[in-house]
Amino acid sequence: LDQPEREFADTIVGEAKRLEDLVHSLLAFARMPDPRKEKTDIVALVRQVLENLHLEWEKSRIQVTCQAAAEPLIVDLDPNQIRQVLWNLFLNARDAMPDGGSLHVSVEAIAGRDVVGVSIQDSGPGFTPEALQNLFEPFFTTKAQGNGLGLAISRQIVQRHQGTICLENAPSGGARCIVNLPFHGS
C-alpha cells in the first residue's frame, strides 16, 4: 500500500475500534448484571486501582495522594463493578488535567451514617453549570473523544449497590466526586 492508502486503512481500523468500544459500552449499560457482592476491603481496592494507573499518573504529570483509614473497611460489594467505577472516575480526573495537576483521594467510614465515602478531587477546571446538570445522562460528554456512557454506567453500578454518587465543583477549585456505599462496620 502507498502512504495515502495506508493512512486511509489506519483511519478505518481506528473507527472500527471506536465503534467496537461504543457497542461494548452500550451493551454494558443495557445489560448491567446484578452485583456479585462479597466482603471487600474498599481501602485496598482503591489503592490497587490507583497503583494500576501509576504509569498514567506519571505520564500525565499528576501528583496523587490517598488518605485512608489504616484499618480495612470491609464493604459488601462487587469488586469488579466497583473497580470499573473507580477506574472510570480516576481516568476522568486525569482527562480533566491534560497539563498535569493533583488528585486527592480519601476513603473513610462516615460516622453516624453507616456509609463508606470515597472522595476523588482533582485540580482541573471543574464543571460548567450545563455539565453539572447532565453529567450522568447517557451520551452526554464534555470530551472530544468519549461516548458519554462512563458516568451513566458508574451511577447505575453504585445505585445497584444501594449507594450514591455525586459530582460537584470543589470549593477550592477543580471537580470532586463522592461515592458513598453502605457500611456496617468491619
N, C-alpha and C. Protein backbone atom coordinates (compact mmCIF):
# COMPACT_ATOMS: atom_id res chain seq x y z
N LEU A 1 0.84 -1.19 0.00
CA LEU A 1 0.00 0.00 0.00
C LEU A 1 0.88 1.25 0.00
N ASP A 2 0.45 2.25 -0.74
CA ASP A 2 1.20 3.51 -0.68
C ASP A 2 0.71 4.33 0.52
N GLN A 3 1.35 5.45 0.79
CA GLN A 3 1.09 6.24 2.00
C GLN A 3 -0.38 6.65 2.16
N PRO A 4 -1.04 7.24 1.13
CA PRO A 4 -2.46 7.62 1.32
C PRO A 4 -3.36 6.43 1.62
N GLU A 5 -3.10 5.29 0.96
CA GLU A 5 -3.91 4.10 1.21
C GLU A 5 -3.69 3.58 2.63
N ARG A 6 -2.45 3.62 3.09
CA ARG A 6 -2.13 3.17 4.44
C ARG A 6 -2.82 4.06 5.48
N GLU A 7 -2.78 5.37 5.27
CA GLU A 7 -3.45 6.30 6.19
C GLU A 7 -4.96 6.06 6.21
N PHE A 8 -5.53 5.80 5.03
CA PHE A 8 -6.96 5.53 4.94
C PHE A 8 -7.30 4.23 5.67
N ALA A 9 -6.47 3.21 5.49
CA ALA A 9 -6.69 1.93 6.18
C ALA A 9 -6.57 2.11 7.69
N ASP A 10 -5.59 2.90 8.15
CA ASP A 10 -5.44 3.17 9.58
C ASP A 10 -6.66 3.89 10.13
N THR A 11 -7.22 4.81 9.36
CA THR A 11 -8.43 5.53 9.78
C THR A 11 -9.60 4.55 9.93
N ILE A 12 -9.73 3.66 8.98
CA ILE A 12 -10.82 2.67 9.02
C ILE A 12 -10.66 1.78 10.25
N VAL A 13 -9.46 1.30 10.51
CA VAL A 13 -9.21 0.44 11.67
C VAL A 13 -9.51 1.21 12.96
N GLY A 14 -9.08 2.47 13.04
CA GLY A 14 -9.33 3.28 14.23
C GLY A 14 -10.82 3.50 14.47
N GLU A 15 -11.56 3.77 13.42
CA GLU A 15 -13.01 3.97 13.55
C GLU A 15 -13.71 2.67 13.92
N ALA A 16 -13.26 1.55 13.36
CA ALA A 16 -13.85 0.26 13.73
C ALA A 16 -13.62 -0.02 15.21
N LYS A 17 -12.43 0.29 15.73
CA LYS A 17 -12.13 0.10 17.15
C LYS A 17 -13.01 1.00 18.01
N ARG A 18 -13.20 2.26 17.58
CA ARG A 18 -14.04 3.19 18.32
C ARG A 18 -15.48 2.67 18.37
N LEU A 19 -15.99 2.16 17.24
CA LEU A 19 -17.35 1.63 17.20
C LEU A 19 -17.48 0.37 18.06
N GLU A 20 -16.44 -0.48 18.05
CA GLU A 20 -16.45 -1.67 18.90
C GLU A 20 -16.53 -1.27 20.37
N ASP A 21 -15.75 -0.27 20.77
CA ASP A 21 -15.79 0.21 22.15
C ASP A 21 -17.17 0.76 22.50
N LEU A 22 -17.78 1.49 21.57
CA LEU A 22 -19.12 2.04 21.80
C LEU A 22 -20.14 0.93 21.98
N VAL A 23 -20.07 -0.10 21.14
CA VAL A 23 -21.01 -1.22 21.25
C VAL A 23 -20.84 -1.92 22.60
N HIS A 24 -19.59 -2.15 23.02
CA HIS A 24 -19.36 -2.77 24.33
C HIS A 24 -19.92 -1.91 25.46
N SER A 25 -19.75 -0.59 25.37
CA SER A 25 -20.30 0.30 26.39
C SER A 25 -21.81 0.26 26.40
N LEU A 26 -22.42 0.26 25.22
CA LEU A 26 -23.88 0.20 25.14
C LEU A 26 -24.41 -1.10 25.74
N LEU A 27 -23.74 -2.20 25.43
CA LEU A 27 -24.17 -3.48 25.98
C LEU A 27 -24.02 -3.51 27.50
N ALA A 28 -22.92 -2.96 27.99
CA ALA A 28 -22.72 -2.91 29.44
C ALA A 28 -23.80 -2.08 30.11
N PHE A 29 -24.17 -0.97 29.48
CA PHE A 29 -25.20 -0.10 30.04
C PHE A 29 -26.57 -0.78 30.00
N ALA A 30 -26.88 -1.42 28.89
CA ALA A 30 -28.20 -2.03 28.71
C ALA A 30 -28.38 -3.31 29.51
N ARG A 31 -27.30 -4.06 29.70
CA ARG A 31 -27.41 -5.36 30.34
C ARG A 31 -26.52 -5.45 31.58
N MET A 32 -26.56 -4.44 32.39
CA MET A 32 -25.73 -4.43 33.60
C MET A 32 -26.16 -5.58 34.50
N PRO A 33 -25.24 -6.51 34.77
CA PRO A 33 -25.60 -7.63 35.64
C PRO A 33 -25.76 -7.17 37.09
N ASP A 34 -26.53 -7.93 37.84
CA ASP A 34 -26.65 -7.64 39.27
C ASP A 34 -25.28 -7.81 39.92
N PRO A 35 -25.00 -7.01 40.95
CA PRO A 35 -23.71 -7.15 41.63
C PRO A 35 -23.55 -8.53 42.26
N ARG A 36 -22.35 -9.08 42.16
CA ARG A 36 -22.00 -10.32 42.86
C ARG A 36 -21.18 -9.90 44.06
N LYS A 37 -21.89 -9.59 45.13
CA LYS A 37 -21.25 -8.99 46.30
C LYS A 37 -20.45 -10.00 47.12
N GLU A 38 -19.34 -9.48 47.63
CA GLU A 38 -18.51 -10.23 48.56
C GLU A 38 -17.85 -9.22 49.49
N LYS A 39 -17.46 -9.70 50.65
CA LYS A 39 -16.79 -8.83 51.62
C LYS A 39 -15.46 -8.38 51.03
N THR A 40 -15.30 -7.05 50.89
CA THR A 40 -14.13 -6.49 50.21
C THR A 40 -13.61 -5.29 50.99
N ASP A 41 -12.31 -5.21 51.12
CA ASP A 41 -11.68 -4.05 51.75
C ASP A 41 -11.63 -2.92 50.73
N ILE A 42 -12.49 -1.93 50.89
CA ILE A 42 -12.58 -0.83 49.94
C ILE A 42 -11.29 -0.01 49.91
N VAL A 43 -10.60 0.09 51.04
CA VAL A 43 -9.32 0.82 51.07
C VAL A 43 -8.31 0.13 50.15
N ALA A 44 -8.19 -1.18 50.28
CA ALA A 44 -7.25 -1.93 49.43
C ALA A 44 -7.65 -1.84 47.96
N LEU A 45 -8.95 -1.88 47.68
CA LEU A 45 -9.43 -1.80 46.30
C LEU A 45 -9.07 -0.45 45.68
N VAL A 46 -9.31 0.63 46.41
CA VAL A 46 -8.97 1.97 45.91
C VAL A 46 -7.47 2.07 45.67
N ARG A 47 -6.67 1.63 46.62
CA ARG A 47 -5.20 1.70 46.48
C ARG A 47 -4.73 0.86 45.29
N GLN A 48 -5.36 -0.30 45.08
CA GLN A 48 -4.98 -1.16 43.97
C GLN A 48 -5.24 -0.48 42.63
N VAL A 49 -6.40 0.13 42.47
CA VAL A 49 -6.72 0.81 41.21
C VAL A 49 -5.78 1.99 40.99
N LEU A 50 -5.52 2.76 42.04
CA LEU A 50 -4.56 3.87 41.91
C LEU A 50 -3.19 3.35 41.47
N GLU A 51 -2.75 2.26 42.07
CA GLU A 51 -1.44 1.70 41.72
C GLU A 51 -1.44 1.18 40.27
N ASN A 52 -2.53 0.55 39.86
CA ASN A 52 -2.61 0.05 38.48
C ASN A 52 -2.50 1.18 37.46
N LEU A 53 -2.84 2.38 37.87
CA LEU A 53 -2.79 3.54 36.97
C LEU A 53 -1.53 4.37 37.17
N HIS A 54 -0.54 3.87 37.91
CA HIS A 54 0.63 4.69 38.24
C HIS A 54 1.35 5.21 36.99
N LEU A 55 1.38 4.43 35.91
CA LEU A 55 2.02 4.93 34.68
C LEU A 55 1.24 6.09 34.07
N GLU A 56 -0.09 6.03 34.18
CA GLU A 56 -0.92 7.14 33.69
C GLU A 56 -0.62 8.41 34.47
N TRP A 57 -0.49 8.27 35.79
CA TRP A 57 -0.22 9.45 36.63
C TRP A 57 1.14 10.05 36.26
N GLU A 58 2.14 9.20 36.10
CA GLU A 58 3.48 9.69 35.75
C GLU A 58 3.47 10.37 34.38
N LYS A 59 2.90 9.69 33.41
CA LYS A 59 2.86 10.22 32.04
C LYS A 59 2.11 11.55 31.98
N SER A 60 1.07 11.68 32.76
CA SER A 60 0.23 12.89 32.76
C SER A 60 0.71 13.95 33.74
N ARG A 61 1.79 13.66 34.48
CA ARG A 61 2.34 14.60 35.46
C ARG A 61 1.29 14.98 36.51
N ILE A 62 0.65 13.96 37.06
CA ILE A 62 -0.37 14.16 38.09
C ILE A 62 0.16 13.59 39.40
N GLN A 63 0.17 14.43 40.42
CA GLN A 63 0.56 14.01 41.76
C GLN A 63 -0.67 13.44 42.47
N VAL A 64 -0.55 12.22 42.94
CA VAL A 64 -1.68 11.54 43.58
C VAL A 64 -1.39 11.37 45.06
N THR A 65 -2.38 11.75 45.88
CA THR A 65 -2.32 11.45 47.30
C THR A 65 -3.57 10.65 47.67
N CYS A 66 -3.38 9.74 48.60
CA CYS A 66 -4.51 8.93 49.06
C CYS A 66 -4.50 8.92 50.57
N GLN A 67 -5.59 9.38 51.13
CA GLN A 67 -5.77 9.40 52.58
C GLN A 67 -6.85 8.38 52.91
N ALA A 68 -6.48 7.40 53.71
CA ALA A 68 -7.44 6.34 54.02
C ALA A 68 -7.20 5.81 55.42
N ALA A 69 -8.21 5.16 55.93
CA ALA A 69 -8.12 4.53 57.24
C ALA A 69 -6.99 3.51 57.24
N ALA A 70 -6.30 3.39 58.34
CA ALA A 70 -5.21 2.41 58.45
C ALA A 70 -5.77 0.99 58.48
N GLU A 71 -6.94 0.83 59.08
CA GLU A 71 -7.54 -0.49 59.17
C GLU A 71 -8.43 -0.74 57.95
N PRO A 72 -8.63 -2.00 57.59
CA PRO A 72 -9.50 -2.31 56.46
C PRO A 72 -10.93 -1.83 56.72
N LEU A 73 -11.58 -1.39 55.68
CA LEU A 73 -13.00 -1.04 55.73
C LEU A 73 -13.70 -2.06 54.83
N ILE A 74 -14.31 -3.06 55.48
CA ILE A 74 -14.90 -4.17 54.73
C ILE A 74 -16.33 -3.80 54.33
N VAL A 75 -16.56 -3.83 53.01
CA VAL A 75 -17.85 -3.46 52.45
C VAL A 75 -18.34 -4.63 51.61
N ASP A 76 -19.64 -4.87 51.65
CA ASP A 76 -20.26 -5.92 50.85
C ASP A 76 -20.52 -5.34 49.46
N LEU A 77 -19.66 -5.71 48.49
CA LEU A 77 -19.77 -5.12 47.16
C LEU A 77 -19.23 -6.08 46.11
N ASP A 78 -19.50 -5.76 44.86
CA ASP A 78 -18.95 -6.50 43.73
C ASP A 78 -17.64 -5.82 43.37
N PRO A 79 -16.50 -6.44 43.69
CA PRO A 79 -15.22 -5.76 43.48
C PRO A 79 -14.95 -5.40 42.02
N ASN A 80 -15.40 -6.23 41.09
CA ASN A 80 -15.18 -5.92 39.67
C ASN A 80 -15.98 -4.70 39.23
N GLN A 81 -17.22 -4.61 39.68
CA GLN A 81 -18.05 -3.47 39.29
C GLN A 81 -17.54 -2.18 39.93
N ILE A 82 -17.20 -2.23 41.21
CA ILE A 82 -16.71 -1.01 41.87
C ILE A 82 -15.33 -0.63 41.32
N ARG A 83 -14.53 -1.61 40.96
CA ARG A 83 -13.24 -1.32 40.29
C ARG A 83 -13.50 -0.55 38.99
N GLN A 84 -14.51 -0.96 38.24
CA GLN A 84 -14.86 -0.27 36.99
C GLN A 84 -15.25 1.18 37.27
N VAL A 85 -16.02 1.41 38.33
CA VAL A 85 -16.42 2.78 38.70
C VAL A 85 -15.17 3.61 39.03
N LEU A 86 -14.30 3.06 39.88
CA LEU A 86 -13.10 3.79 40.28
C LEU A 86 -12.22 4.09 39.07
N TRP A 87 -12.02 3.10 38.23
CA TRP A 87 -11.20 3.26 37.03
C TRP A 87 -11.74 4.42 36.19
N ASN A 88 -13.05 4.43 35.98
CA ASN A 88 -13.68 5.48 35.18
C ASN A 88 -13.50 6.85 35.82
N LEU A 89 -13.73 6.95 37.12
CA LEU A 89 -13.62 8.24 37.80
C LEU A 89 -12.18 8.75 37.80
N PHE A 90 -11.23 7.85 38.03
CA PHE A 90 -9.82 8.27 38.02
C PHE A 90 -9.38 8.73 36.63
N LEU A 91 -9.80 8.00 35.59
CA LEU A 91 -9.41 8.41 34.23
C LEU A 91 -10.11 9.71 33.82
N ASN A 92 -11.33 9.92 34.28
CA ASN A 92 -12.00 11.21 34.01
C ASN A 92 -11.22 12.35 34.65
N ALA A 93 -10.73 12.13 35.87
CA ALA A 93 -9.93 13.16 36.54
C ALA A 93 -8.65 13.42 35.77
N ARG A 94 -8.01 12.34 35.33
CA ARG A 94 -6.79 12.50 34.52
C ARG A 94 -7.08 13.34 33.27
N ASP A 95 -8.17 13.02 32.58
CA ASP A 95 -8.51 13.73 31.35
C ASP A 95 -8.81 15.21 31.60
N ALA A 96 -9.26 15.53 32.81
CA ALA A 96 -9.57 16.93 33.14
C ALA A 96 -8.30 17.75 33.40
N MET A 97 -7.16 17.06 33.50
CA MET A 97 -5.89 17.75 33.80
C MET A 97 -4.84 17.41 32.75
N PRO A 98 -5.05 17.79 31.49
CA PRO A 98 -4.11 17.40 30.43
C PRO A 98 -2.71 17.97 30.60
N ASP A 99 -2.57 19.04 31.36
CA ASP A 99 -1.26 19.65 31.58
C ASP A 99 -0.69 19.31 32.96
N GLY A 100 -1.21 18.26 33.57
CA GLY A 100 -0.75 17.86 34.90
C GLY A 100 -1.60 18.50 35.99
N GLY A 101 -1.35 18.09 37.21
CA GLY A 101 -2.11 18.63 38.33
C GLY A 101 -2.01 17.71 39.52
N SER A 102 -3.05 17.74 40.34
CA SER A 102 -3.06 16.90 41.54
C SER A 102 -4.41 16.21 41.68
N LEU A 103 -4.34 15.04 42.26
CA LEU A 103 -5.53 14.23 42.52
C LEU A 103 -5.45 13.79 43.98
N HIS A 104 -6.49 14.10 44.73
CA HIS A 104 -6.54 13.68 46.13
C HIS A 104 -7.72 12.73 46.31
N VAL A 105 -7.41 11.56 46.84
CA VAL A 105 -8.43 10.54 47.07
C VAL A 105 -8.49 10.26 48.56
N SER A 106 -9.69 10.21 49.10
CA SER A 106 -9.83 9.82 50.51
C SER A 106 -10.91 8.74 50.62
N VAL A 107 -10.67 7.85 51.57
CA VAL A 107 -11.61 6.76 51.84
C VAL A 107 -11.83 6.73 53.34
N GLU A 108 -13.08 6.87 53.76
CA GLU A 108 -13.34 6.88 55.20
C GLU A 108 -14.75 6.41 55.52
N ALA A 109 -14.87 5.81 56.70
CA ALA A 109 -16.19 5.48 57.23
C ALA A 109 -16.76 6.78 57.78
N ILE A 110 -17.97 7.10 57.40
CA ILE A 110 -18.57 8.35 57.84
C ILE A 110 -19.41 8.06 59.08
N ALA A 111 -18.95 8.60 60.19
CA ALA A 111 -19.56 8.34 61.49
C ALA A 111 -21.05 8.70 61.49
N GLY A 112 -21.84 7.80 62.06
CA GLY A 112 -23.26 8.05 62.22
C GLY A 112 -24.08 7.91 60.95
N ARG A 113 -23.44 7.57 59.83
CA ARG A 113 -24.20 7.48 58.58
C ARG A 113 -24.20 6.09 57.98
N ASP A 114 -23.47 5.13 58.55
CA ASP A 114 -23.40 3.76 58.04
C ASP A 114 -23.01 3.71 56.57
N VAL A 115 -22.07 4.57 56.18
CA VAL A 115 -21.55 4.56 54.82
C VAL A 115 -20.04 4.72 54.83
N VAL A 116 -19.42 4.21 53.78
CA VAL A 116 -18.02 4.49 53.49
C VAL A 116 -18.04 5.47 52.33
N GLY A 117 -17.31 6.55 52.49
CA GLY A 117 -17.23 7.55 51.45
C GLY A 117 -15.89 7.51 50.75
N VAL A 118 -15.93 7.51 49.43
CA VAL A 118 -14.73 7.63 48.61
C VAL A 118 -14.84 8.98 47.92
N SER A 119 -13.90 9.87 48.22
CA SER A 119 -13.89 11.21 47.63
C SER A 119 -12.70 11.32 46.69
N ILE A 120 -12.96 11.82 45.49
CA ILE A 120 -11.93 11.98 44.46
C ILE A 120 -11.97 13.43 44.02
N GLN A 121 -10.90 14.17 44.28
CA GLN A 121 -10.86 15.59 43.94
C GLN A 121 -9.65 15.87 43.05
N ASP A 122 -9.91 16.56 41.93
CA ASP A 122 -8.83 16.90 41.02
C ASP A 122 -8.62 18.41 41.00
N SER A 123 -7.52 18.83 40.41
CA SER A 123 -7.21 20.26 40.32
C SER A 123 -7.51 20.80 38.93
N GLY A 124 -8.38 20.12 38.19
CA GLY A 124 -8.76 20.57 36.85
C GLY A 124 -9.68 21.78 36.92
N PRO A 125 -10.32 22.10 35.79
CA PRO A 125 -11.14 23.31 35.71
C PRO A 125 -12.52 23.20 36.36
N GLY A 126 -12.94 22.02 36.77
CA GLY A 126 -14.28 21.87 37.31
C GLY A 126 -15.30 21.75 36.18
N PHE A 127 -16.57 21.93 36.53
CA PHE A 127 -17.66 21.73 35.58
C PHE A 127 -18.39 23.03 35.30
N THR A 128 -18.91 23.14 34.09
CA THR A 128 -19.81 24.24 33.77
C THR A 128 -21.17 23.92 34.38
N PRO A 129 -22.03 24.93 34.56
CA PRO A 129 -23.38 24.64 35.08
C PRO A 129 -24.14 23.64 34.20
N GLU A 130 -24.01 23.74 32.87
CA GLU A 130 -24.69 22.80 31.97
C GLU A 130 -24.18 21.38 32.20
N ALA A 131 -22.87 21.24 32.31
CA ALA A 131 -22.30 19.91 32.51
C ALA A 131 -22.80 19.31 33.82
N LEU A 132 -22.82 20.11 34.90
CA LEU A 132 -23.28 19.59 36.19
C LEU A 132 -24.69 19.03 36.12
N GLN A 133 -25.53 19.62 35.29
CA GLN A 133 -26.93 19.16 35.17
C GLN A 133 -27.04 17.88 34.35
N ASN A 134 -26.03 17.58 33.51
CA ASN A 134 -26.16 16.48 32.56
C ASN A 134 -25.12 15.37 32.67
N LEU A 135 -24.23 15.46 33.62
CA LEU A 135 -23.09 14.53 33.67
C LEU A 135 -23.48 13.06 33.68
N PHE A 136 -24.58 12.71 34.31
CA PHE A 136 -24.95 11.31 34.41
C PHE A 136 -25.93 10.87 33.32
N GLU A 137 -26.24 11.77 32.40
CA GLU A 137 -27.12 11.42 31.29
C GLU A 137 -26.36 10.58 30.26
N PRO A 138 -26.94 9.47 29.80
CA PRO A 138 -26.26 8.69 28.77
C PRO A 138 -25.97 9.55 27.54
N PHE A 139 -24.78 9.40 27.00
CA PHE A 139 -24.29 10.05 25.78
C PHE A 139 -23.91 11.51 25.97
N PHE A 140 -24.05 12.06 27.17
CA PHE A 140 -23.55 13.42 27.41
C PHE A 140 -22.07 13.31 27.73
N THR A 141 -21.26 14.11 27.05
CA THR A 141 -19.83 14.11 27.32
C THR A 141 -19.27 15.51 27.14
N THR A 142 -18.23 15.80 27.88
CA THR A 142 -17.51 17.06 27.72
C THR A 142 -16.19 16.82 27.01
N LYS A 143 -15.95 15.58 26.61
CA LYS A 143 -14.68 15.21 25.98
C LYS A 143 -14.82 15.18 24.46
N ALA A 144 -13.73 15.50 23.78
CA ALA A 144 -13.71 15.39 22.33
C ALA A 144 -13.79 13.92 21.92
N GLN A 145 -13.13 13.05 22.67
CA GLN A 145 -13.15 11.61 22.41
C GLN A 145 -13.84 10.93 23.59
N GLY A 146 -15.07 10.61 23.44
CA GLY A 146 -15.80 9.94 24.51
C GLY A 146 -17.20 9.63 24.05
N ASN A 147 -17.80 8.60 24.65
CA ASN A 147 -19.16 8.22 24.22
C ASN A 147 -20.22 8.64 25.22
N GLY A 148 -19.82 9.20 26.35
CA GLY A 148 -20.80 9.68 27.32
C GLY A 148 -21.52 8.60 28.09
N LEU A 149 -20.92 7.42 28.20
CA LEU A 149 -21.57 6.34 28.94
C LEU A 149 -20.88 6.01 30.26
N GLY A 150 -19.65 6.44 30.44
CA GLY A 150 -18.89 6.07 31.63
C GLY A 150 -19.56 6.46 32.93
N LEU A 151 -20.00 7.71 33.04
CA LEU A 151 -20.64 8.16 34.29
C LEU A 151 -22.04 7.56 34.44
N ALA A 152 -22.75 7.37 33.33
CA ALA A 152 -24.08 6.75 33.41
C ALA A 152 -23.95 5.31 33.92
N ILE A 153 -22.96 4.58 33.41
CA ILE A 153 -22.73 3.21 33.88
C ILE A 153 -22.28 3.22 35.34
N SER A 154 -21.39 4.15 35.69
CA SER A 154 -20.92 4.23 37.08
C SER A 154 -22.08 4.48 38.04
N ARG A 155 -22.96 5.41 37.67
CA ARG A 155 -24.12 5.68 38.55
C ARG A 155 -24.99 4.45 38.69
N GLN A 156 -25.21 3.75 37.59
CA GLN A 156 -26.04 2.55 37.62
C GLN A 156 -25.42 1.51 38.56
N ILE A 157 -24.11 1.32 38.48
CA ILE A 157 -23.43 0.36 39.36
C ILE A 157 -23.57 0.77 40.82
N VAL A 158 -23.28 2.03 41.12
CA VAL A 158 -23.35 2.50 42.50
C VAL A 158 -24.77 2.36 43.04
N GLN A 159 -25.77 2.70 42.26
CA GLN A 159 -27.15 2.58 42.71
C GLN A 159 -27.54 1.12 42.96
N ARG A 160 -27.02 0.21 42.15
CA ARG A 160 -27.30 -1.22 42.36
C ARG A 160 -26.62 -1.75 43.62
N HIS A 161 -25.70 -0.97 44.16
CA HIS A 161 -25.06 -1.29 45.44
C HIS A 161 -25.73 -0.52 46.59
N GLN A 162 -26.89 0.09 46.33
CA GLN A 162 -27.63 0.91 47.30
C GLN A 162 -26.78 2.09 47.78
N GLY A 163 -25.92 2.59 46.89
CA GLY A 163 -25.07 3.73 47.23
C GLY A 163 -25.48 4.97 46.46
N THR A 164 -24.70 6.02 46.64
CA THR A 164 -24.95 7.28 45.94
C THR A 164 -23.63 7.76 45.32
N ILE A 165 -23.76 8.53 44.26
CA ILE A 165 -22.60 9.14 43.61
C ILE A 165 -22.99 10.55 43.23
N CYS A 166 -22.12 11.50 43.52
CA CYS A 166 -22.40 12.88 43.11
C CYS A 166 -21.11 13.53 42.62
N LEU A 167 -21.27 14.46 41.72
CA LEU A 167 -20.17 15.25 41.19
C LEU A 167 -20.48 16.70 41.44
N GLU A 168 -19.44 17.45 41.81
CA GLU A 168 -19.63 18.86 42.12
C GLU A 168 -18.34 19.61 41.87
N ASN A 169 -18.43 20.92 41.84
CA ASN A 169 -17.23 21.74 41.82
C ASN A 169 -16.76 21.89 43.26
N ALA A 170 -15.48 21.60 43.47
CA ALA A 170 -14.93 21.69 44.82
C ALA A 170 -14.74 23.16 45.20
N PRO A 171 -14.98 23.51 46.45
CA PRO A 171 -14.82 24.91 46.88
C PRO A 171 -13.41 25.46 46.60
N SER A 172 -12.40 24.59 46.68
CA SER A 172 -11.03 25.05 46.45
C SER A 172 -10.63 25.00 44.98
N GLY A 173 -11.56 24.67 44.10
CA GLY A 173 -11.29 24.57 42.67
C GLY A 173 -11.24 23.12 42.24
N GLY A 174 -11.42 22.90 40.97
CA GLY A 174 -11.43 21.55 40.43
C GLY A 174 -12.76 20.87 40.66
N ALA A 175 -12.79 19.59 40.35
CA ALA A 175 -14.01 18.80 40.49
C ALA A 175 -13.84 17.80 41.62
N ARG A 176 -14.97 17.45 42.22
CA ARG A 176 -14.95 16.44 43.27
C ARG A 176 -16.08 15.46 43.00
N CYS A 177 -15.76 14.19 43.16
CA CYS A 177 -16.75 13.12 43.06
C CYS A 177 -16.79 12.41 44.40
N ILE A 178 -17.98 12.16 44.89
CA ILE A 178 -18.15 11.45 46.15
C ILE A 178 -19.03 10.23 45.91
N VAL A 179 -18.49 9.07 46.24
CA VAL A 179 -19.23 7.81 46.15
C VAL A 179 -19.43 7.32 47.58
N ASN A 180 -20.67 7.11 47.97
CA ASN A 180 -20.99 6.56 49.28
C ASN A 180 -21.60 5.18 49.10
N LEU A 181 -21.06 4.22 49.86
CA LEU A 181 -21.55 2.85 49.81
C LEU A 181 -21.94 2.41 51.21
N PRO A 182 -22.99 1.58 51.33
CA PRO A 182 -23.42 1.11 52.65
C PRO A 182 -22.30 0.39 53.38
N PHE A 183 -22.20 0.65 54.68
CA PHE A 183 -21.14 0.08 55.51
C PHE A 183 -21.71 -0.16 56.90
N HIS A 184 -21.46 -1.34 57.42
CA HIS A 184 -21.99 -1.67 58.75
C HIS A 184 -20.88 -2.11 59.70
N GLY A 185 -19.72 -1.48 59.57
CA GLY A 185 -18.59 -1.82 60.42
C GLY A 185 -17.81 -2.99 59.86
N SER A 186 -16.55 -3.11 60.30
CA SER A 186 -15.68 -4.16 59.73
C SER A 186 -16.04 -5.51 60.23
